[in-house]
Amino acid sequence: MKYKCNVCGYVYDDESEETKFVDLPEDWVCPICGATKDAFTELD
C-alpha cells in the first residue's frame, strides 16, 4: 500500500519501508515536510 503526503507529495510505500504506514507511531511525521500522519491519503 502507498500513502501520499497531501502537503508535499512525498509517497510512503509499505513495500520499500521496514514499517507499514499503519504501524508507524502516531507522532511520526513526513520526512520531507514534517506533516503528521493525518495529512496522508491512501493511494489505490
C-alpha atoms as a PDB file:
ATOM      1  CA  MET A   1       0.000   0.000   0.000  1.00  0.00           C
ATOM      2  CA  LYS A   2       1.155   3.543  -0.708  1.00  0.00           C
ATOM      3  CA  TYR A   3       0.305   6.740   1.141  1.00  0.00           C
ATOM      4  CA  LYS A   4       0.808  10.249  -0.243  1.00  0.00           C
ATOM      5  CA  CYS A   5       1.501  13.385   1.789  1.00  0.00           C
ATOM      6  CA  ASN A   6      -1.124  15.984   0.880  1.00  0.00           C
ATOM      7  CA  VAL A   7       1.315  18.781   1.753  1.00  0.00           C
ATOM      8  CA  CYS A   8       4.464  17.975  -0.245  1.00  0.00           C
ATOM      9  CA  GLY A   9       3.596  14.912  -2.332  1.00  0.00           C
ATOM     10  CA  TYR A  10       6.005  12.502  -0.602  1.00  0.00           C
ATOM     11  CA  VAL A  11       4.900   8.881  -1.091  1.00  0.00           C
ATOM     12  CA  TYR A  12       5.366   6.340   1.702  1.00  0.00           C
ATOM     13  CA  ASP A  13       5.492   2.871   0.147  1.00  0.00           C
ATOM     14  CA  ASP A  14       4.939  -0.077   2.509  1.00  0.00           C
ATOM     15  CA  GLU A  15       6.789  -2.327   0.048  1.00  0.00           C
ATOM     16  CA  SER A  16      10.068  -0.410   0.323  1.00  0.00           C
ATOM     17  CA  GLU A  17       9.928   0.591   4.008  1.00  0.00           C
ATOM     18  CA  GLU A  18      10.635  -1.579   7.062  1.00  0.00           C
ATOM     19  CA  THR A  19       7.459  -0.478   8.870  1.00  0.00           C
ATOM     20  CA  LYS A  20       3.965  -0.451   7.423  1.00  0.00           C
ATOM     21  CA  PHE A  21       2.355   3.003   7.440  1.00  0.00           C
ATOM     22  CA  VAL A  22      -0.457   1.900   9.764  1.00  0.00           C
ATOM     23  CA  ASP A  23       2.135   0.632  12.266  1.00  0.00           C
ATOM     24  CA  LEU A  24       4.075   3.909  12.427  1.00  0.00           C
ATOM     25  CA  PRO A  25       3.767   5.748  15.767  1.00  0.00           C
ATOM     26  CA  GLU A  26       1.140   8.489  15.938  1.00  0.00           C
ATOM     27  CA  ASP A  27       3.878  11.118  16.390  1.00  0.00           C
ATOM     28  CA  TRP A  28       5.600  10.104  13.123  1.00  0.00           C
ATOM     29  CA  VAL A  29       5.939  12.955  10.638  1.00  0.00           C
ATOM     30  CA  CYS A  30       6.690  13.229   6.924  1.00  0.00           C
ATOM     31  CA  PRO A  31      10.481  13.117   6.449  1.00  0.00           C
ATOM     32  CA  ILE A  32      10.270  15.854   3.797  1.00  0.00           C
ATOM     33  CA  CYS A  33       7.914  18.493   5.199  1.00  0.00           C
ATOM     34  CA  GLY A  34       7.104  17.398   8.757  1.00  0.00           C
ATOM     35  CA  ALA A  35       3.372  16.869   8.169  1.00  0.00           C
ATOM     36  CA  THR A  36       1.570  14.491  10.536  1.00  0.00           C
ATOM     37  CA  LYS A  37       0.113  11.102   9.555  1.00  0.00           C
ATOM     38  CA  ASP A  38      -3.312  12.759   9.256  1.00  0.00           C
ATOM     39  CA  ALA A  39      -2.015  14.658   6.203  1.00  0.00           C
ATOM     40  CA  PHE A  40      -1.514  11.408   4.250  1.00  0.00           C
ATOM     41  CA  THR A  41      -4.010   9.839   1.854  1.00  0.00           C
ATOM     42  CA  GLU A  42      -4.055   6.163   0.895  1.00  0.00           C
ATOM     43  CA  LEU A  43      -3.397   5.631  -2.816  1.00  0.00           C
ATOM     44  CA  ASP A  44      -5.157   2.952  -4.875  1.00  0.00           C
END
